[in-house]
Amino acid sequence: MNKTSIIILTVFSLYGCSSQKKLTTAPPFSINNPSYQQYAGGREESGTGFILQLAVDVEAGNEIKFLEVFFRGRVLEAELKEEGENLQIICNYKYTSEDKKPDIIMHSDPKEEVGNQPPGSINSKNADFPFDLNKDEAVVSYKVITADPQNNKVTYFKIMGIKNKPSRIYQ
């Protein structure tokens, strides 16, 4: 290879890395007992979905704004709630008609099954999903609020070991 092609390859590889979201390993908070629970309402209009709960301990002297949580191919709004002296990030996701599996045709004649679509992966629902995560992982986006708004950059932190609580069925 000549020097020109090496330089071009180096520039393109560095350019590709700059568009990826970078994860921090030392956020100014800790997440305890992360869990999610699926639910189903007793009536059709109640719907079904899941609630993701992340108990948060913010280090003293820090003001943090939690923005979004990336979980199972979905981008969820991070809602901060106080329960006594504890803070929790709560993400409530209600399944929509887009989440439902389409009807498939099962027939003894394969020609009748032509319209069936092959199953997709978890992350196929949102092609713009920026992270490659396992089922028990999520990423939280946040800003540390400072006096200078120029320093309020979005940062990302990966959470692992999210526990699946038993489903809840409302009557």
N, C-alpha and C. Protein backbone atom coordinates (compact mmCIF):
# COMPACT_ATOMS: atom_id res chain seq x y z
N MET A 1 0.84 -1.19 0.00
CA MET A 1 0.00 0.00 0.00
C MET A 1 0.88 1.24 0.00
N ASN A 2 0.40 2.25 -0.66
CA ASN A 2 1.18 3.48 -0.64
C ASN A 2 0.74 4.37 0.52
N LYS A 3 1.47 5.43 0.76
CA LYS A 3 1.22 6.30 1.91
C LYS A 3 -0.14 7.00 1.82
N THR A 4 -0.56 7.34 0.61
CA THR A 4 -1.84 8.04 0.44
C THR A 4 -3.01 7.16 0.89
N SER A 5 -3.01 5.90 0.50
CA SER A 5 -4.12 5.02 0.89
C SER A 5 -4.11 4.75 2.40
N ILE A 6 -2.94 4.69 3.02
CA ILE A 6 -2.88 4.50 4.47
C ILE A 6 -3.45 5.71 5.19
N ILE A 7 -3.13 6.89 4.72
CA ILE A 7 -3.66 8.12 5.33
C ILE A 7 -5.18 8.17 5.18
N ILE A 8 -5.68 7.83 4.00
CA ILE A 8 -7.13 7.85 3.76
C ILE A 8 -7.83 6.84 4.67
N LEU A 9 -7.29 5.64 4.79
CA LEU A 9 -7.89 4.63 5.68
C LEU A 9 -7.89 5.11 7.13
N THR A 10 -6.82 5.72 7.57
CA THR A 10 -6.73 6.22 8.94
C THR A 10 -7.77 7.30 9.19
N VAL A 11 -7.94 8.24 8.26
CA VAL A 11 -8.92 9.31 8.42
C VAL A 11 -10.33 8.74 8.50
N PHE A 12 -10.66 7.80 7.62
CA PHE A 12 -12.00 7.22 7.66
C PHE A 12 -12.25 6.42 8.93
N SER A 13 -11.26 5.71 9.42
CA SER A 13 -11.46 4.94 10.65
C SER A 13 -11.65 5.86 11.84
N LEU A 14 -10.92 6.97 11.89
CA LEU A 14 -11.11 7.93 12.99
C LEU A 14 -12.44 8.64 12.88
N TYR A 15 -12.88 8.93 11.67
CA TYR A 15 -14.16 9.58 11.45
C TYR A 15 -15.30 8.68 11.92
N GLY A 16 -15.22 7.38 11.65
CA GLY A 16 -16.26 6.44 12.08
C GLY A 16 -16.35 6.35 13.58
N CYS A 17 -15.24 6.42 14.27
CA CYS A 17 -15.25 6.32 15.73
C CYS A 17 -15.86 7.54 16.38
N SER A 18 -15.74 8.71 15.77
CA SER A 18 -16.22 9.93 16.40
C SER A 18 -17.75 10.00 16.43
N SER A 19 -18.45 9.26 15.56
CA SER A 19 -19.90 9.31 15.55
C SER A 19 -20.53 8.35 16.56
N GLN A 20 -19.75 7.46 17.14
CA GLN A 20 -20.29 6.52 18.11
C GLN A 20 -20.45 7.20 19.47
N LYS A 21 -21.44 6.75 20.22
CA LYS A 21 -21.67 7.30 21.55
C LYS A 21 -20.70 6.63 22.52
N LYS A 22 -20.01 7.44 23.30
CA LYS A 22 -19.00 6.92 24.21
C LYS A 22 -19.60 6.74 25.61
N LEU A 23 -19.30 5.60 26.21
CA LEU A 23 -19.80 5.28 27.54
C LEU A 23 -18.78 5.67 28.60
N THR A 24 -19.28 6.19 29.72
CA THR A 24 -18.40 6.50 30.83
C THR A 24 -18.39 5.33 31.80
N THR A 25 -17.30 5.18 32.53
CA THR A 25 -17.21 4.10 33.51
C THR A 25 -17.31 4.61 34.94
N ALA A 26 -17.27 5.94 35.12
CA ALA A 26 -17.32 6.52 36.47
C ALA A 26 -18.32 7.68 36.52
N PRO A 27 -19.61 7.37 36.54
CA PRO A 27 -20.61 8.45 36.61
C PRO A 27 -20.69 9.02 38.04
N PRO A 28 -21.24 10.22 38.20
CA PRO A 28 -21.38 10.82 39.54
C PRO A 28 -22.62 10.31 40.28
N PHE A 29 -23.01 9.08 40.03
CA PHE A 29 -24.14 8.45 40.70
C PHE A 29 -23.95 6.94 40.64
N SER A 30 -24.73 6.22 41.42
CA SER A 30 -24.71 4.76 41.35
C SER A 30 -26.14 4.26 41.16
N ILE A 31 -26.25 3.13 40.50
CA ILE A 31 -27.55 2.49 40.25
C ILE A 31 -27.60 1.23 41.10
N ASN A 32 -28.67 1.09 41.88
CA ASN A 32 -28.82 -0.08 42.75
C ASN A 32 -30.08 -0.85 42.38
N ASN A 33 -29.99 -2.16 42.43
CA ASN A 33 -31.13 -3.05 42.20
C ASN A 33 -31.95 -2.71 40.95
N PRO A 34 -31.32 -2.66 39.77
CA PRO A 34 -32.10 -2.39 38.56
C PRO A 34 -33.03 -3.56 38.25
N SER A 35 -34.27 -3.24 37.88
CA SER A 35 -35.23 -4.30 37.57
C SER A 35 -36.27 -3.79 36.58
N TYR A 36 -36.94 -4.74 35.94
CA TYR A 36 -38.09 -4.39 35.12
C TYR A 36 -39.17 -5.43 35.34
N GLN A 37 -40.41 -5.01 35.11
CA GLN A 37 -41.55 -5.88 35.34
C GLN A 37 -42.57 -5.65 34.23
N GLN A 38 -42.96 -6.74 33.58
CA GLN A 38 -44.00 -6.63 32.57
C GLN A 38 -45.36 -6.62 33.27
N TYR A 39 -46.33 -5.94 32.64
CA TYR A 39 -47.67 -5.90 33.21
C TYR A 39 -48.70 -6.07 32.10
N ALA A 40 -49.88 -6.51 32.51
CA ALA A 40 -51.01 -6.64 31.59
C ALA A 40 -52.26 -6.17 32.32
N GLY A 41 -53.02 -5.31 31.66
CA GLY A 41 -54.25 -4.81 32.26
C GLY A 41 -55.36 -5.84 32.14
N GLY A 42 -56.36 -5.71 32.99
CA GLY A 42 -57.49 -6.63 32.98
C GLY A 42 -58.42 -6.42 31.81
N ARG A 43 -58.35 -5.23 31.21
CA ARG A 43 -59.19 -4.92 30.05
C ARG A 43 -58.30 -4.55 28.87
N GLU A 44 -58.83 -4.69 27.68
CA GLU A 44 -58.04 -4.43 26.48
C GLU A 44 -57.53 -2.99 26.44
N GLU A 45 -58.36 -2.03 26.86
CA GLU A 45 -57.95 -0.63 26.81
C GLU A 45 -56.87 -0.29 27.85
N SER A 46 -56.71 -1.16 28.84
CA SER A 46 -55.66 -0.95 29.85
C SER A 46 -54.28 -1.15 29.25
N GLY A 47 -54.19 -2.06 28.32
CA GLY A 47 -52.93 -2.29 27.61
C GLY A 47 -51.95 -3.17 28.36
N THR A 48 -50.80 -3.37 27.73
CA THR A 48 -49.71 -4.14 28.31
C THR A 48 -48.42 -3.37 28.10
N GLY A 49 -47.42 -3.71 28.88
CA GLY A 49 -46.13 -3.02 28.74
C GLY A 49 -45.17 -3.49 29.81
N PHE A 50 -44.19 -2.63 30.12
CA PHE A 50 -43.27 -2.94 31.20
C PHE A 50 -42.82 -1.66 31.88
N ILE A 51 -42.38 -1.81 33.12
CA ILE A 51 -41.85 -0.70 33.90
C ILE A 51 -40.41 -1.04 34.27
N LEU A 52 -39.50 -0.14 33.92
CA LEU A 52 -38.09 -0.28 34.26
C LEU A 52 -37.82 0.63 35.45
N GLN A 53 -37.25 0.06 36.53
CA GLN A 53 -36.98 0.82 37.75
C GLN A 53 -35.49 0.78 38.06
N LEU A 54 -34.90 1.96 38.25
CA LEU A 54 -33.48 2.08 38.57
C LEU A 54 -33.35 2.97 39.80
N ALA A 55 -32.97 2.38 40.94
CA ALA A 55 -32.74 3.17 42.16
C ALA A 55 -31.42 3.91 41.99
N VAL A 56 -31.43 5.22 42.26
CA VAL A 56 -30.27 6.07 42.00
C VAL A 56 -29.78 6.71 43.29
N ASP A 57 -28.45 6.68 43.48
CA ASP A 57 -27.79 7.42 44.56
C ASP A 57 -26.86 8.43 43.89
N VAL A 58 -27.22 9.72 43.99
CA VAL A 58 -26.41 10.77 43.38
C VAL A 58 -25.37 11.24 44.39
N GLU A 59 -24.13 11.37 43.91
CA GLU A 59 -23.05 11.84 44.79
C GLU A 59 -23.33 13.27 45.23
N ALA A 60 -22.99 13.59 46.47
CA ALA A 60 -23.24 14.91 47.04
C ALA A 60 -22.57 15.99 46.19
N GLY A 61 -23.25 17.11 46.03
CA GLY A 61 -22.69 18.24 45.29
C GLY A 61 -22.93 18.18 43.79
N ASN A 62 -23.62 17.17 43.31
CA ASN A 62 -23.88 17.05 41.87
C ASN A 62 -25.36 17.25 41.58
N GLU A 63 -25.64 18.00 40.54
CA GLU A 63 -27.01 18.12 40.04
C GLU A 63 -27.03 17.45 38.68
N ILE A 64 -27.87 16.42 38.55
CA ILE A 64 -27.89 15.61 37.33
C ILE A 64 -29.28 15.63 36.74
N LYS A 65 -29.33 15.75 35.42
CA LYS A 65 -30.59 15.63 34.70
C LYS A 65 -30.52 14.36 33.87
N PHE A 66 -31.38 13.40 34.20
CA PHE A 66 -31.45 12.14 33.46
C PHE A 66 -32.36 12.36 32.25
N LEU A 67 -31.88 11.94 31.08
CA LEU A 67 -32.60 12.24 29.84
C LEU A 67 -33.37 11.04 29.30
N GLU A 68 -32.62 9.98 28.92
CA GLU A 68 -33.24 8.82 28.29
C GLU A 68 -32.60 7.54 28.80
N VAL A 69 -33.34 6.45 28.62
CA VAL A 69 -32.81 5.12 28.92
C VAL A 69 -33.01 4.28 27.67
N PHE A 70 -31.93 3.63 27.24
CA PHE A 70 -31.95 2.76 26.07
C PHE A 70 -32.04 1.33 26.58
N PHE A 71 -33.15 0.64 26.27
CA PHE A 71 -33.39 -0.69 26.82
C PHE A 71 -34.17 -1.53 25.83
N ARG A 72 -33.64 -2.69 25.51
CA ARG A 72 -34.30 -3.67 24.64
C ARG A 72 -34.80 -3.08 23.33
N GLY A 73 -33.92 -2.33 22.68
CA GLY A 73 -34.25 -1.78 21.37
C GLY A 73 -35.18 -0.59 21.39
N ARG A 74 -35.43 -0.03 22.57
CA ARG A 74 -36.34 1.10 22.69
C ARG A 74 -35.64 2.26 23.40
N VAL A 75 -36.05 3.46 23.06
CA VAL A 75 -35.54 4.66 23.74
C VAL A 75 -36.67 5.15 24.64
N LEU A 76 -36.44 5.12 25.94
CA LEU A 76 -37.46 5.45 26.94
C LEU A 76 -37.14 6.78 27.61
N GLU A 77 -38.17 7.52 27.95
CA GLU A 77 -37.99 8.77 28.68
C GLU A 77 -37.68 8.45 30.15
N ALA A 78 -36.64 9.08 30.68
CA ALA A 78 -36.26 8.85 32.08
C ALA A 78 -37.03 9.81 32.96
N GLU A 79 -37.88 9.26 33.82
CA GLU A 79 -38.68 10.06 34.74
C GLU A 79 -38.13 9.84 36.15
N LEU A 80 -37.69 10.91 36.80
CA LEU A 80 -37.10 10.81 38.13
C LEU A 80 -38.19 11.00 39.17
N LYS A 81 -38.31 10.04 40.10
CA LYS A 81 -39.31 10.11 41.16
C LYS A 81 -38.64 9.96 42.51
N GLU A 82 -39.16 10.68 43.49
CA GLU A 82 -38.68 10.56 44.86
C GLU A 82 -39.63 9.66 45.63
N GLU A 83 -39.08 8.66 46.28
CA GLU A 83 -39.87 7.79 47.15
C GLU A 83 -39.23 7.84 48.53
N GLY A 84 -39.76 8.71 49.37
CA GLY A 84 -39.12 8.94 50.67
C GLY A 84 -37.82 9.66 50.46
N GLU A 85 -36.73 9.08 50.93
CA GLU A 85 -35.41 9.68 50.73
C GLU A 85 -34.70 9.10 49.51
N ASN A 86 -35.33 8.17 48.83
CA ASN A 86 -34.71 7.50 47.69
C ASN A 86 -35.18 8.10 46.37
N LEU A 87 -34.27 8.13 45.42
CA LEU A 87 -34.59 8.55 44.05
C LEU A 87 -34.65 7.33 43.16
N GLN A 88 -35.59 7.35 42.21
CA GLN A 88 -35.69 6.27 41.24
C GLN A 88 -35.94 6.83 39.86
N ILE A 89 -35.28 6.21 38.88
CA ILE A 89 -35.61 6.49 37.49
C ILE A 89 -36.66 5.46 37.11
N ILE A 90 -37.81 5.95 36.66
CA ILE A 90 -38.92 5.08 36.27
C ILE A 90 -39.17 5.29 34.78
N CYS A 91 -39.19 4.20 34.05
CA CYS A 91 -39.51 4.24 32.62
C CYS A 91 -40.69 3.31 32.40
N ASN A 92 -41.80 3.87 31.97
CA ASN A 92 -43.01 3.08 31.73
C ASN A 92 -43.21 2.99 30.23
N TYR A 93 -43.17 1.78 29.71
CA TYR A 93 -43.37 1.58 28.27
C TYR A 93 -44.65 0.80 28.06
N LYS A 94 -45.54 1.37 27.26
CA LYS A 94 -46.79 0.69 26.93
C LYS A 94 -46.69 0.20 25.49
N TYR A 95 -46.89 -1.11 25.32
CA TYR A 95 -46.82 -1.69 23.98
C TYR A 95 -47.89 -1.08 23.09
N THR A 96 -47.53 -0.90 21.83
CA THR A 96 -48.46 -0.35 20.85
C THR A 96 -48.74 -1.40 19.78
N SER A 97 -49.58 -1.04 18.84
CA SER A 97 -49.91 -1.99 17.77
C SER A 97 -48.68 -2.33 16.93
N GLU A 98 -47.67 -1.43 16.89
CA GLU A 98 -46.44 -1.72 16.15
C GLU A 98 -45.63 -2.82 16.81
N ASP A 99 -45.80 -3.02 18.13
CA ASP A 99 -45.05 -4.03 18.86
C ASP A 99 -45.65 -5.42 18.73
N LYS A 100 -46.91 -5.49 18.33
CA LYS A 100 -47.57 -6.79 18.24
C LYS A 100 -47.01 -7.59 17.08
N LYS A 101 -46.94 -8.88 17.30
CA LYS A 101 -46.49 -9.77 16.23
C LYS A 101 -47.58 -9.87 15.18
N PRO A 102 -47.20 -9.79 13.91
CA PRO A 102 -48.22 -9.89 12.87
C PRO A 102 -48.76 -11.32 12.78
N ASP A 103 -49.99 -11.42 12.32
CA ASP A 103 -50.57 -12.74 12.09
C ASP A 103 -49.77 -13.45 11.00
N ILE A 104 -49.60 -14.74 11.20
CA ILE A 104 -48.92 -15.52 10.18
C ILE A 104 -49.88 -16.57 9.63
N ILE A 105 -49.65 -16.93 8.40
CA ILE A 105 -50.51 -17.92 7.73
C ILE A 105 -49.80 -19.27 7.79
N MET A 106 -50.47 -20.25 8.37
CA MET A 106 -49.96 -21.62 8.41
C MET A 106 -50.89 -22.45 7.51
N HIS A 107 -50.30 -23.04 6.49
CA HIS A 107 -51.12 -23.76 5.53
C HIS A 107 -50.34 -24.96 5.01
N SER A 108 -51.05 -26.00 4.62
CA SER A 108 -50.38 -27.19 4.07
C SER A 108 -49.77 -26.89 2.70
N ASP A 109 -50.29 -25.88 2.01
CA ASP A 109 -49.73 -25.47 0.72
C ASP A 109 -48.78 -24.29 0.96
N PRO A 110 -47.46 -24.48 0.78
CA PRO A 110 -46.49 -23.40 1.04
C PRO A 110 -46.75 -22.13 0.25
N LYS A 111 -47.42 -22.23 -0.88
CA LYS A 111 -47.72 -21.03 -1.68
C LYS A 111 -48.66 -20.08 -0.93
N GLU A 112 -49.46 -20.61 -0.05
CA GLU A 112 -50.39 -19.79 0.74
C GLU A 112 -49.66 -18.99 1.83
N GLU A 113 -48.43 -19.38 2.16
CA GLU A 113 -47.67 -18.74 3.24
C GLU A 113 -46.71 -17.67 2.71
N VAL A 114 -46.86 -17.28 1.47
CA VAL A 114 -45.92 -16.36 0.82
C VAL A 114 -45.81 -15.02 1.54
N GLY A 115 -46.86 -14.49 2.10
CA GLY A 115 -46.83 -13.16 2.72
C GLY A 115 -46.21 -13.12 4.10
N ASN A 116 -45.88 -14.25 4.69
CA ASN A 116 -45.32 -14.26 6.04
C ASN A 116 -43.93 -13.61 6.07
N GLN A 117 -43.68 -12.83 7.09
CA GLN A 117 -42.39 -12.17 7.27
C GLN A 117 -41.53 -12.97 8.26
N PRO A 118 -40.23 -13.08 8.01
CA PRO A 118 -39.37 -13.79 8.97
C PRO A 118 -39.25 -12.99 10.26
N PRO A 119 -39.05 -13.68 11.39
CA PRO A 119 -38.93 -12.96 12.66
C PRO A 119 -37.66 -12.13 12.68
N GLY A 120 -37.70 -10.98 13.39
CA GLY A 120 -36.53 -10.11 13.50
C GLY A 120 -35.92 -10.21 14.87
N SER A 121 -34.79 -9.55 15.05
CA SER A 121 -34.13 -9.55 16.36
C SER A 121 -34.74 -8.46 17.24
N ILE A 122 -34.31 -8.40 18.50
CA ILE A 122 -34.82 -7.41 19.45
C ILE A 122 -34.56 -6.00 18.93
N ASN A 123 -33.38 -5.75 18.41
CA ASN A 123 -33.01 -4.41 18.00
C ASN A 123 -33.50 -4.04 16.60
N SER A 124 -34.19 -4.94 15.92
CA SER A 124 -34.64 -4.64 14.57
C SER A 124 -35.81 -3.65 14.56
N LYS A 125 -36.48 -3.44 15.69
CA LYS A 125 -37.61 -2.52 15.74
C LYS A 125 -37.17 -1.09 15.51
N ASN A 126 -35.98 -0.73 15.96
CA ASN A 126 -35.50 0.63 15.84
C ASN A 126 -34.12 0.60 15.20
N ALA A 127 -34.08 0.88 13.90
CA ALA A 127 -32.81 0.81 13.17
C ALA A 127 -31.82 1.85 13.66
N ASP A 128 -32.30 2.92 14.30
CA ASP A 128 -31.43 3.98 14.78
C ASP A 128 -30.94 3.74 16.21
N PHE A 129 -31.21 2.57 16.77
CA PHE A 129 -30.80 2.29 18.15
C PHE A 129 -29.28 2.28 18.21
N PRO A 130 -28.67 3.14 19.03
CA PRO A 130 -27.22 3.36 18.95
C PRO A 130 -26.34 2.38 19.72
N PHE A 131 -26.92 1.43 20.45
CA PHE A 131 -26.11 0.55 21.29
C PHE A 131 -26.41 -0.92 21.00
N ASP A 132 -25.40 -1.76 21.19
CA ASP A 132 -25.56 -3.20 21.08
C ASP A 132 -25.60 -3.74 22.51
N LEU A 133 -26.80 -4.07 23.00
CA LEU A 133 -26.98 -4.45 24.40
C LEU A 133 -27.55 -5.86 24.53
N ASN A 134 -27.22 -6.52 25.63
CA ASN A 134 -27.84 -7.79 25.98
C ASN A 134 -29.20 -7.52 26.60
N LYS A 135 -29.99 -8.58 26.82
CA LYS A 135 -31.33 -8.43 27.37
C LYS A 135 -31.34 -7.81 28.78
N ASP A 136 -30.26 -8.02 29.54
CA ASP A 136 -30.22 -7.51 30.92
C ASP A 136 -29.38 -6.24 31.04
N GLU A 137 -29.24 -5.50 29.95
CA GLU A 137 -28.44 -4.28 29.95
C GLU A 137 -29.25 -3.08 29.45
N ALA A 138 -28.88 -1.91 29.94
CA ALA A 138 -29.49 -0.65 29.50
C ALA A 138 -28.41 0.42 29.53
N VAL A 139 -28.67 1.52 28.86
CA VAL A 139 -27.78 2.68 28.89
C VAL A 139 -28.60 3.89 29.29
N VAL A 140 -28.09 4.66 30.25
CA VAL A 140 -28.74 5.89 30.73
C VAL A 140 -27.98 7.08 30.16
N SER A 141 -28.71 8.02 29.58
CA SER A 141 -28.07 9.27 29.15
C SER A 141 -28.41 10.35 30.18
N TYR A 142 -27.43 11.19 30.47
CA TYR A 142 -27.61 12.21 31.50
C TYR A 142 -26.70 13.40 31.24
N LYS A 143 -27.01 14.51 31.93
CA LYS A 143 -26.16 15.70 31.92
C LYS A 143 -25.86 16.07 33.36
N VAL A 144 -24.62 16.44 33.62
CA VAL A 144 -24.27 17.02 34.91
C VAL A 144 -24.44 18.53 34.73
N ILE A 145 -25.35 19.13 35.50
CA ILE A 145 -25.66 20.55 35.36
C ILE A 145 -24.58 21.37 36.05
N THR A 146 -23.98 22.28 35.31
CA THR A 146 -22.94 23.16 35.85
C THR A 146 -23.35 24.61 35.62
N ALA A 147 -22.58 25.53 36.19
CA ALA A 147 -22.87 26.96 36.03
C ALA A 147 -22.70 27.40 34.58
N ASP A 148 -21.78 26.77 33.86
CA ASP A 148 -21.54 27.09 32.46
C ASP A 148 -22.30 26.12 31.57
N PRO A 149 -23.36 26.56 30.89
CA PRO A 149 -24.16 25.65 30.05
C PRO A 149 -23.35 24.98 28.95
N GLN A 150 -22.23 25.55 28.55
CA GLN A 150 -21.39 24.94 27.52
C GLN A 150 -20.81 23.60 27.98
N ASN A 151 -20.66 23.43 29.30
CA ASN A 151 -20.08 22.21 29.84
C ASN A 151 -21.12 21.12 30.10
N ASN A 152 -22.39 21.41 29.88
CA ASN A 152 -23.45 20.43 30.13
C ASN A 152 -23.58 19.47 28.95
N LYS A 153 -22.65 18.55 28.83
CA LYS A 153 -22.64 17.59 27.71
C LYS A 153 -23.37 16.32 28.11
N VAL A 154 -23.99 15.70 27.12
CA VAL A 154 -24.69 14.43 27.35
C VAL A 154 -23.65 13.32 27.51
N THR A 155 -23.83 12.52 28.57
CA THR A 155 -22.93 11.41 28.85
C THR A 155 -23.77 10.14 28.95
N TYR A 156 -23.15 9.00 28.69
CA TYR A 156 -23.86 7.72 28.66
C TYR A 156 -23.20 6.74 29.62
N PHE A 157 -24.04 5.99 30.36
CA PHE A 157 -23.54 5.01 31.31
C PHE A 157 -24.30 3.70 31.12
N LYS A 158 -23.56 2.59 31.03
CA LYS A 158 -24.16 1.27 30.81
C LYS A 158 -24.46 0.60 32.15
N ILE A 159 -25.67 0.06 32.25
CA ILE A 159 -26.11 -0.68 33.43
C ILE A 159 -26.23 -2.14 33.04
N MET A 160 -25.68 -3.02 33.87
CA MET A 160 -25.75 -4.45 33.59
C MET A 160 -26.47 -5.16 34.74
N GLY A 161 -26.99 -6.33 34.47
CA GLY A 161 -27.62 -7.14 35.50
C GLY A 161 -29.02 -6.70 35.89
N ILE A 162 -29.81 -6.24 34.93
CA ILE A 162 -31.18 -5.83 35.21
C ILE A 162 -32.02 -7.09 35.41
N LYS A 163 -32.68 -7.17 36.56
CA LYS A 163 -33.44 -8.36 36.92
C LYS A 163 -34.88 -8.25 36.41
N ASN A 164 -35.39 -9.39 35.95
CA ASN A 164 -36.77 -9.49 35.48
C ASN A 164 -37.64 -9.94 36.64
N LYS A 165 -38.49 -9.05 37.13
CA LYS A 165 -39.43 -9.42 38.20
C LYS A 165 -40.60 -10.18 37.58
N PRO A 166 -41.31 -10.98 38.38
CA PRO A 166 -42.48 -11.69 37.85
C PRO A 166 -43.50 -10.72 37.28
N SER A 167 -44.15 -11.12 36.20
CA SER A 167 -45.16 -10.27 35.55
C SER A 167 -46.31 -9.97 36.49
N ARG A 168 -46.93 -8.83 36.27
CA ARG A 168 -48.05 -8.42 37.09
C ARG A 168 -49.29 -8.33 36.20
N ILE A 169 -50.35 -8.98 36.64
CA ILE A 169 -51.60 -8.97 35.87
C ILE A 169 -52.65 -8.27 36.71
N TYR A 170 -53.19 -7.16 36.18
CA TYR A 170 -54.22 -6.40 36.88
C TYR A 170 -55.59 -6.93 36.48
N GLN A 171 -56.51 -6.93 37.44
CA GLN A 171 -57.86 -7.44 37.18
C GLN A 171 -58.86 -6.32 37.11
